[in-house]
Amino acid sequence: MSIGAGIALIVIGAILAFAVNVDVQWVDLDLIGYILIGAGVVVAIVGVVLLARKRTSTSVTRTSVDPAGQQRVTEQRSTSIDDPQV
């Protein structure tokens, strides 16, 4: 979702910076367009980083000793961060 929001900010900023020729005295639309383009790039980069971070996996190995039977139980589980059971 943040990648789409970043692209939307880039498009809106490009329209304001390059396509709108309205002269407003109290605001510079070109500057606002460039700011929106920069913010869109930052949001898109953060979205890509978060998307790459979600795809990492974690492997957990546990060894426990049963106090009653003195058995060793080894459990291996490999899960992903976006797995709803984690």
PDB file of N, CA and C in Angstrom:
ATOM      1  N   MET A   1       0.811  -1.179   0.000  1.00  0.00           N
ATOM      2  CA  MET A   1       0.000   0.000   0.000  1.00  0.00           C
ATOM      3  C   MET A   1       0.864   1.257   0.000  1.00  0.00           C
ATOM      4  N   SER A   2       1.963   1.225   0.708  1.00  0.00           N
ATOM      5  CA  SER A   2       2.802   2.418   0.757  1.00  0.00           C
ATOM      6  C   SER A   2       3.515   2.657  -0.569  1.00  0.00           C
ATOM      7  N   ILE A   3       3.746   1.598  -1.332  1.00  0.00           N
ATOM      8  CA  ILE A   3       4.343   1.798  -2.649  1.00  0.00           C
ATOM      9  C   ILE A   3       3.357   2.544  -3.550  1.00  0.00           C
ATOM     10  N   GLY A   4       2.093   2.167  -3.482  1.00  0.00           N
ATOM     11  CA  GLY A   4       1.072   2.866  -4.261  1.00  0.00           C
ATOM     12  C   GLY A   4       0.893   4.310  -3.815  1.00  0.00           C
ATOM     13  N   ALA A   5       0.954   4.544  -2.514  1.00  0.00           N
ATOM     14  CA  ALA A   5       0.850   5.913  -2.006  1.00  0.00           C
ATOM     15  C   ALA A   5       2.043   6.744  -2.462  1.00  0.00           C
ATOM     16  N   GLY A   6       3.223   6.144  -2.479  1.00  0.00           N
ATOM     17  CA  GLY A   6       4.407   6.855  -2.966  1.00  0.00           C
ATOM     18  C   GLY A   6       4.289   7.223  -4.430  1.00  0.00           C
ATOM     19  N   ILE A   7       3.785   6.292  -5.234  1.00  0.00           N
ATOM     20  CA  ILE A   7       3.600   6.575  -6.654  1.00  0.00           C
ATOM     21  C   ILE A   7       2.548   7.670  -6.843  1.00  0.00           C
ATOM     22  N   ALA A   8       1.483   7.631  -6.043  1.00  0.00           N
ATOM     23  CA  ALA A   8       0.458   8.669  -6.138  1.00  0.00           C
ATOM     24  C   ALA A   8       1.027  10.045  -5.780  1.00  0.00           C
ATOM     25  N   LEU A   9       1.856  10.108  -4.738  1.00  0.00           N
ATOM     26  CA  LEU A   9       2.478  11.380  -4.375  1.00  0.00           C
ATOM     27  C   LEU A   9       3.407  11.881  -5.468  1.00  0.00           C
ATOM     28  N   ILE A  10       4.138  10.975  -6.100  1.00  0.00           N
ATOM     29  CA  ILE A  10       5.035  11.371  -7.188  1.00  0.00           C
ATOM     30  C   ILE A  10       4.227  11.934  -8.353  1.00  0.00           C
ATOM     31  N   VAL A  11       3.132  11.282  -8.696  1.00  0.00           N
ATOM     32  CA  VAL A  11       2.303  11.741  -9.820  1.00  0.00           C
ATOM     33  C   VAL A  11       1.674  13.100  -9.516  1.00  0.00           C
ATOM     34  N   ILE A  12       1.121  13.248  -8.315  1.00  0.00           N
ATOM     35  CA  ILE A  12       0.499  14.530  -7.954  1.00  0.00           C
ATOM     36  C   ILE A  12       1.550  15.643  -7.933  1.00  0.00           C
ATOM     37  N   GLY A  13       2.728  15.336  -7.391  1.00  0.00           N
ATOM     38  CA  GLY A  13       3.797  16.331  -7.368  1.00  0.00           C
ATOM     39  C   GLY A  13       4.274  16.703  -8.759  1.00  0.00           C
ATOM     40  N   ALA A  14       4.373  15.719  -9.655  1.00  0.00           N
ATOM     41  CA  ALA A  14       4.800  16.016 -11.024  1.00  0.00           C
ATOM     42  C   ALA A  14       3.758  16.866 -11.741  1.00  0.00           C
ATOM     43  N   ILE A  15       2.489  16.593 -11.493  1.00  0.00           N
ATOM     44  CA  ILE A  15       1.441  17.418 -12.108  1.00  0.00           C
ATOM     45  C   ILE A  15       1.537  18.854 -11.606  1.00  0.00           C
ATOM     46  N   LEU A  16       1.717  19.027 -10.296  1.00  0.00           N
ATOM     47  CA  LEU A  16       1.831  20.380  -9.758  1.00  0.00           C
ATOM     48  C   LEU A  16       3.093  21.082 -10.244  1.00  0.00           C
ATOM     49  N   ALA A  17       4.196  20.361 -10.345  1.00  0.00           N
ATOM     50  CA  ALA A  17       5.464  20.995 -10.696  1.00  0.00           C
ATOM     51  C   ALA A  17       5.571  21.300 -12.189  1.00  0.00           C
ATOM     52  N   PHE A  18       5.030  20.432 -13.028  1.00  0.00           N
ATOM     53  CA  PHE A  18       5.298  20.575 -14.453  1.00  0.00           C
ATOM     54  C   PHE A  18       4.085  20.932 -15.306  1.00  0.00           C
ATOM     55  N   ALA A  19       2.870  20.652 -14.837  1.00  0.00           N
ATOM     56  CA  ALA A  19       1.708  20.826 -15.707  1.00  0.00           C
ATOM     57  C   ALA A  19       0.803  21.986 -15.307  1.00  0.00           C
ATOM     58  N   VAL A  20       0.832  22.394 -14.071  1.00  0.00           N
ATOM     59  CA  VAL A  20      -0.064  23.456 -13.621  1.00  0.00           C
ATOM     60  C   VAL A  20       0.634  24.799 -13.815  1.00  0.00           C
ATOM     61  N   ASN A  21      -0.027  25.699 -14.533  1.00  0.00           N
ATOM     62  CA  ASN A  21       0.538  27.028 -14.788  1.00  0.00           C
ATOM     63  C   ASN A  21      -0.296  28.119 -14.122  1.00  0.00           C
ATOM     64  N   VAL A  22      -0.742  27.860 -12.919  1.00  0.00           N
ATOM     65  CA  VAL A  22      -1.541  28.822 -12.180  1.00  0.00           C
ATOM     66  C   VAL A  22      -0.609  29.619 -11.280  1.00  0.00           C
ATOM     67  N   ASP A  23      -0.799  30.930 -11.255  1.00  0.00           N
ATOM     68  CA  ASP A  23       0.027  31.796 -10.419  1.00  0.00           C
ATOM     69  C   ASP A  23      -0.746  32.142  -9.153  1.00  0.00           C
ATOM     70  N   VAL A  24      -0.334  31.595  -8.040  1.00  0.00           N
ATOM     71  CA  VAL A  24      -0.947  31.884  -6.750  1.00  0.00           C
ATOM     72  C   VAL A  24       0.063  32.698  -5.951  1.00  0.00           C
ATOM     73  N   GLN A  25      -0.375  33.801  -5.376  1.00  0.00           N
ATOM     74  CA  GLN A  25       0.561  34.711  -4.711  1.00  0.00           C
ATOM     75  C   GLN A  25       1.097  34.162  -3.399  1.00  0.00           C
ATOM     76  N   TRP A  26       0.293  33.438  -2.652  1.00  0.00           N
ATOM     77  CA  TRP A  26       0.693  33.035  -1.313  1.00  0.00           C
ATOM     78  C   TRP A  26       1.336  31.664  -1.240  1.00  0.00           C
ATOM     79  N   VAL A  27       1.447  30.942  -2.385  1.00  0.00           N
ATOM     80  CA  VAL A  27       2.081  29.624  -2.363  1.00  0.00           C
ATOM     81  C   VAL A  27       2.756  29.376  -3.705  1.00  0.00           C
ATOM     82  N   ASP A  28       3.897  28.707  -3.668  1.00  0.00           N
ATOM     83  CA  ASP A  28       4.621  28.343  -4.883  1.00  0.00           C
ATOM     84  C   ASP A  28       4.284  26.891  -5.219  1.00  0.00           C
ATOM     85  N   LEU A  29       3.456  26.683  -6.238  1.00  0.00           N
ATOM     86  CA  LEU A  29       3.010  25.333  -6.591  1.00  0.00           C
ATOM     87  C   LEU A  29       4.145  24.464  -7.118  1.00  0.00           C
ATOM     88  N   ASP A  30       5.145  25.075  -7.748  1.00  0.00           N
ATOM     89  CA  ASP A  30       6.298  24.295  -8.200  1.00  0.00           C
ATOM     90  C   ASP A  30       7.048  23.690  -7.023  1.00  0.00           C
ATOM     91  N   LEU A  31       7.262  24.481  -5.992  1.00  0.00           N
ATOM     92  CA  LEU A  31       7.958  23.986  -4.801  1.00  0.00           C
ATOM     93  C   LEU A  31       7.156  22.884  -4.112  1.00  0.00           C
ATOM     94  N   ILE A  32       5.838  23.060  -4.002  1.00  0.00           N
ATOM     95  CA  ILE A  32       5.005  22.022  -3.400  1.00  0.00           C
ATOM     96  C   ILE A  32       5.057  20.751  -4.236  1.00  0.00           C
ATOM     97  N   GLY A  33       5.089  20.898  -5.558  1.00  0.00           N
ATOM     98  CA  GLY A  33       5.208  19.733  -6.432  1.00  0.00           C
ATOM     99  C   GLY A  33       6.505  18.988  -6.198  1.00  0.00           C
ATOM    100  N   TYR A  34       7.618  19.718  -6.087  1.00  0.00           N
ATOM    101  CA  TYR A  34       8.900  19.064  -5.833  1.00  0.00           C
ATOM    102  C   TYR A  34       8.937  18.395  -4.457  1.00  0.00           C
ATOM    103  N   ILE A  35       8.317  19.035  -3.486  1.00  0.00           N
ATOM    104  CA  ILE A  35       8.251  18.430  -2.145  1.00  0.00           C
ATOM    105  C   ILE A  35       7.450  17.139  -2.189  1.00  0.00           C
ATOM    106  N   LEU A  36       6.326  17.138  -2.914  1.00  0.00           N
ATOM    107  CA  LEU A  36       5.526  15.918  -3.017  1.00  0.00           C
ATOM    108  C   LEU A  36       6.268  14.818  -3.770  1.00  0.00           C
ATOM    109  N   ILE A  37       7.027  15.180  -4.783  1.00  0.00           N
ATOM    110  CA  ILE A  37       7.831  14.173  -5.493  1.00  0.00           C
ATOM    111  C   ILE A  37       8.851  13.553  -4.550  1.00  0.00           C
ATOM    112  N   GLY A  38       9.536  14.391  -3.769  1.00  0.00           N
ATOM    113  CA  GLY A  38      10.512  13.869  -2.804  1.00  0.00           C
ATOM    114  C   GLY A  38       9.876  12.995  -1.745  1.00  0.00           C
ATOM    115  N   ALA A  39       8.722  13.426  -1.245  1.00  0.00           N
ATOM    116  CA  ALA A  39       8.020  12.624  -0.238  1.00  0.00           C
ATOM    117  C   ALA A  39       7.554  11.301  -0.838  1.00  0.00           C
ATOM    118  N   GLY A  40       7.119  11.324  -2.090  1.00  0.00           N
ATOM    119  CA  GLY A  40       6.692  10.095  -2.751  1.00  0.00           C
ATOM    120  C   GLY A  40       7.827   9.111  -2.917  1.00  0.00           C
ATOM    121  N   VAL A  41       9.011   9.621  -3.258  1.00  0.00           N
ATOM    122  CA  VAL A  41      10.176   8.744  -3.393  1.00  0.00           C
ATOM    123  C   VAL A  41      10.522   8.115  -2.043  1.00  0.00           C
ATOM    124  N   VAL A  42      10.489   8.911  -0.989  1.00  0.00           N
ATOM    125  CA  VAL A  42      10.802   8.388   0.350  1.00  0.00           C
ATOM    126  C   VAL A  42       9.780   7.333   0.772  1.00  0.00           C
ATOM    127  N   VAL A  43       8.504   7.595   0.538  1.00  0.00           N
ATOM    128  CA  VAL A  43       7.454   6.645   0.921  1.00  0.00           C
ATOM    129  C   VAL A  43       7.591   5.355   0.124  1.00  0.00           C
ATOM    130  N   ALA A  44       7.898   5.457  -1.165  1.00  0.00           N
ATOM    131  CA  ALA A  44       8.058   4.257  -1.989  1.00  0.00           C
ATOM    132  C   ALA A  44       9.264   3.432  -1.528  1.00  0.00           C
ATOM    133  N   ILE A  45      10.359   4.085  -1.179  1.00  0.00           N
ATOM    134  CA  ILE A  45      11.541   3.362  -0.698  1.00  0.00           C
ATOM    135  C   ILE A  45      11.245   2.669   0.634  1.00  0.00           C
ATOM    136  N   VAL A  46      10.556   3.364   1.543  1.00  0.00           N
ATOM    137  CA  VAL A  46      10.185   2.747   2.814  1.00  0.00           C
ATOM    138  C   VAL A  46       9.273   1.546   2.576  1.00  0.00           C
ATOM    139  N   GLY A  47       8.354   1.659   1.632  1.00  0.00           N
ATOM    140  CA  GLY A  47       7.465   0.543   1.311  1.00  0.00           C
ATOM    141  C   GLY A  47       8.209  -0.662   0.783  1.00  0.00           C
ATOM    142  N   VAL A  48       9.209  -0.428  -0.071  1.00  0.00           N
ATOM    143  CA  VAL A  48      10.009  -1.539  -0.602  1.00  0.00           C
ATOM    144  C   VAL A  48      10.819  -2.188   0.513  1.00  0.00           C
ATOM    145  N   VAL A  49      11.380  -1.380   1.404  1.00  0.00           N
ATOM    146  CA  VAL A  49      12.159  -1.925   2.521  1.00  0.00           C
ATOM    147  C   VAL A  49      11.271  -2.759   3.439  1.00  0.00           C
ATOM    148  N   LEU A  50      10.086  -2.261   3.751  1.00  0.00           N
ATOM    149  CA  LEU A  50       9.181  -3.016   4.611  1.00  0.00           C
ATOM    150  C   LEU A  50       8.683  -4.287   3.933  1.00  0.00           C
ATOM    151  N   LEU A  51       8.481  -4.234   2.637  1.00  0.00           N
ATOM    152  CA  LEU A  51       8.063  -5.427   1.909  1.00  0.00           C
ATOM    153  C   LEU A  51       9.165  -6.480   1.913  1.00  0.00           C
ATOM    154  N   ALA A  52      10.402  -6.056   1.739  1.00  0.00           N
ATOM    155  CA  ALA A  52      11.520  -7.002   1.773  1.00  0.00           C
ATOM    156  C   ALA A  52      11.719  -7.561   3.182  1.00  0.00           C
ATOM    157  N   ARG A  53      11.436  -6.747   4.173  1.00  0.00           N
ATOM    158  CA  ARG A  53      11.607  -7.187   5.560  1.00  0.00           C
ATOM    159  C   ARG A  53      10.562  -8.236   5.949  1.00  0.00           C
ATOM    160  N   LYS A  54       9.363  -8.145   5.404  1.00  0.00           N
ATOM    161  CA  LYS A  54       8.316  -9.105   5.715  1.00  0.00           C
ATOM    162  C   LYS A  54       8.643 -10.493   5.193  1.00  0.00           C
ATOM    163  N   ARG A  55       9.447 -10.592   4.178  1.00  0.00           N
ATOM    164  CA  ARG A  55       9.712 -11.876   3.552  1.00  0.00           C
ATOM    165  C   ARG A  55      10.859 -12.643   4.199  1.00  0.00           C
ATOM    166  N   THR A  56      11.436 -12.122   5.239  1.00  0.00           N
ATOM    167  CA  THR A  56      12.485 -12.867   5.919  1.00  0.00           C
ATOM    168  C   THR A  56      11.860 -13.961   6.768  1.00  0.00           C
ATOM    169  N   SER A  57      12.606 -15.023   6.953  1.00  0.00           N
ATOM    170  CA  SER A  57      12.081 -16.139   7.732  1.00  0.00           C
ATOM    171  C   SER A  57      12.952 -16.361   8.959  1.00  0.00           C
ATOM    172  N   THR A  58      12.351 -16.980   9.951  1.00  0.00           N
ATOM    173  CA  THR A  58      13.028 -17.263  11.202  1.00  0.00           C
ATOM    174  C   THR A  58      12.947 -18.755  11.472  1.00  0.00           C
ATOM    175  N   SER A  59      14.065 -19.342  11.882  1.00  0.00           N
ATOM    176  CA  SER A  59      14.092 -20.755  12.208  1.00  0.00           C
ATOM    177  C   SER A  59      14.381 -20.892  13.698  1.00  0.00           C
ATOM    178  N   VAL A  60      13.540 -21.630  14.387  1.00  0.00           N
ATOM    179  CA  VAL A  60      13.665 -21.803  15.838  1.00  0.00           C
ATOM    180  C   VAL A  60      13.855 -23.284  16.131  1.00  0.00           C
ATOM    181  N   THR A  61      14.888 -23.616  16.897  1.00  0.00           N
ATOM    182  CA  THR A  61      15.121 -24.986  17.334  1.00  0.00           C
ATOM    183  C   THR A  61      15.122 -24.994  18.856  1.00  0.00           C
ATOM    184  N   ARG A  62      14.282 -25.834  19.436  1.00  0.00           N
ATOM    185  CA  ARG A  62      14.192 -25.928  20.889  1.00  0.00           C
ATOM    186  C   ARG A  62      14.456 -27.361  21.323  1.00  0.00           C
ATOM    187  N   THR A  63      15.237 -27.506  22.362  1.00  0.00           N
ATOM    188  CA  THR A  63      15.486 -28.813  22.953  1.00  0.00           C
ATOM    189  C   THR A  63      15.087 -28.730  24.422  1.00  0.00           C
ATOM    190  N   SER A  64      14.216 -29.614  24.827  1.00  0.00           N
ATOM    191  CA  SER A  64      13.778 -29.608  26.218  1.00  0.00           C
ATOM    192  C   SER A  64      13.854 -31.023  26.772  1.00  0.00           C
ATOM    193  N   VAL A  65      13.953 -31.104  28.080  1.00  0.00           N
ATOM    194  CA  VAL A  65      14.033 -32.391  28.764  1.00  0.00           C
ATOM    195  C   VAL A  65      12.744 -32.586  29.542  1.00  0.00           C
ATOM    196  N   ASP A  66      12.105 -33.729  29.312  1.00  0.00           N
ATOM    197  CA  ASP A  66      10.874 -34.072  30.034  1.00  0.00           C
ATOM    198  C   ASP A  66      11.268 -34.492  31.442  1.00  0.00           C
ATOM    199  N   PRO A  67      10.775 -33.795  32.475  1.00  0.00           N
ATOM    200  CA  PRO A  67      11.202 -34.132  33.840  1.00  0.00           C
ATOM    201  C   PRO A  67      10.726 -35.517  34.290  1.00  0.00           C
ATOM    202  N   ALA A  68       9.631 -36.005  33.783  1.00  0.00           N
ATOM    203  CA  ALA A  68       9.123 -37.301  34.245  1.00  0.00           C
ATOM    204  C   ALA A  68       9.883 -38.453  33.598  1.00  0.00           C
ATOM    205  N   GLY A  69      10.028 -38.412  32.317  1.00  0.00           N
ATOM    206  CA  GLY A  69      10.636 -39.551  31.629  1.00  0.00           C
ATOM    207  C   GLY A  69      12.074 -39.331  31.204  1.00  0.00           C
ATOM    208  N   GLN A  70      12.606 -38.162  31.493  1.00  0.00           N
ATOM    209  CA  GLN A  70      13.969 -37.824  31.099  1.00  0.00           C
ATOM    210  C   GLN A  70      14.197 -38.004  29.590  1.00  0.00           C
ATOM    211  N   GLN A  71      13.205 -37.649  28.810  1.00  0.00           N
ATOM    212  CA  GLN A  71      13.351 -37.708  27.359  1.00  0.00           C
ATOM    213  C   GLN A  71      13.740 -36.324  26.851  1.00  0.00           C
ATOM    214  N   ARG A  72      14.532 -36.327  25.794  1.00  0.00           N
ATOM    215  CA  ARG A  72      14.891 -35.075  25.137  1.00  0.00           C
ATOM    216  C   ARG A  72      13.964 -34.886  23.944  1.00  0.00           C
ATOM    217  N   VAL A  73      13.325 -33.775  23.910  1.00  0.00           N
ATOM    218  CA  VAL A  73      12.406 -33.449  22.822  1.00  0.00           C
ATOM    219  C   VAL A  73      13.015 -32.295  22.031  1.00  0.00           C
ATOM    220  N   THR A  74      13.201 -32.507  20.740  1.00  0.00           N
ATOM    221  CA  THR A  74      13.732 -31.459  19.868  1.00  0.00           C
ATOM    222  C   THR A  74      12.637 -31.048  18.900  1.00  0.00           C
ATOM    223  N   GLU A  75      12.356 -29.764  18.878  1.00  0.00           N
ATOM    224  CA  GLU A  75      11.318 -29.217  18.005  1.00  0.00           C
ATOM    225  C   GLU A  75      11.966 -28.201  17.070  1.00  0.00           C
ATOM    226  N   GLN A  76      11.732 -28.370  15.786  1.00  0.00           N
ATOM    227  CA  GLN A  76      12.236 -27.416  14.799  1.00  0.00           C
ATOM    228  C   GLN A  76      11.044 -26.799  14.096  1.00  0.00           C
ATOM    229  N   ARG A  77      11.071 -25.475  14.002  1.00  0.00           N
ATOM    230  CA  ARG A  77       9.978 -24.770  13.347  1.00  0.00           C
ATOM    231  C   ARG A  77      10.549 -23.638  12.523  1.00  0.00           C
ATOM    232  N   SER A  78      10.168 -23.589  11.278  1.00  0.00           N
ATOM    233  CA  SER A  78      10.597 -22.517  10.394  1.00  0.00           C
ATOM    234  C   SER A  78       9.360 -21.732   9.992  1.00  0.00           C
ATOM    235  N   THR A  79       9.346 -20.459  10.367  1.00  0.00           N
ATOM    236  CA  THR A  79       8.190 -19.624  10.079  1.00  0.00           C
ATOM    237  C   THR A  79       8.627 -18.341   9.403  1.00  0.00           C
ATOM    238  N   SER A  80       7.667 -17.711   8.800  1.00  0.00           N
ATOM    239  CA  SER A  80       7.887 -16.402   8.188  1.00  0.00           C
ATOM    240  C   SER A  80       7.248 -15.365   9.080  1.00  0.00           C
ATOM    241  N   ILE A  81       7.729 -14.140   9.008  1.00  0.00           N
ATOM    242  CA  ILE A  81       7.196 -13.083   9.859  1.00  0.00           C
ATOM    243  C   ILE A  81       5.744 -12.778   9.520  1.00  0.00           C
ATOM    244  N   ASP A  82       5.360 -12.903   8.252  1.00  0.00           N
ATOM    245  CA  ASP A  82       3.984 -12.614   7.884  1.00  0.00           C
ATOM    246  C   ASP A  82       3.063 -13.802   8.090  1.00  0.00           C
ATOM    247  N   ASP A  83       3.567 -14.890   8.724  1.00  0.00           N
ATOM    248  CA  ASP A  83       2.747 -16.062   9.037  1.00  0.00           C
ATOM    249  C   ASP A  83       1.813 -15.689  10.190  1.00  0.00           C
ATOM    250  N   PRO A  84       0.485 -15.874  10.068  1.00  0.00           N
ATOM    251  CA  PRO A  84      -0.423 -15.438  11.120  1.00  0.00           C
ATOM    252  C   PRO A  84      -0.317 -16.256  12.402  1.00  0.00           C
ATOM    253  N   GLN A  85       0.346 -17.429  12.394  1.00  0.00           N
ATOM    254  CA  GLN A  85       0.435 -18.259  13.586  1.00  0.00           C
ATOM    255  C   GLN A  85       1.595 -17.874  14.491  1.00  0.00           C
ATOM    256  N   VAL A  86       2.436 -16.961  14.079  1.00  0.00           N
ATOM    257  CA  VAL A  86       3.603 -16.603  14.875  1.00  0.00           C
ATOM    258  C   VAL A  86       3.195 -15.719  16.011  1.00  0.00           C
TER     259      VAL A  86
END
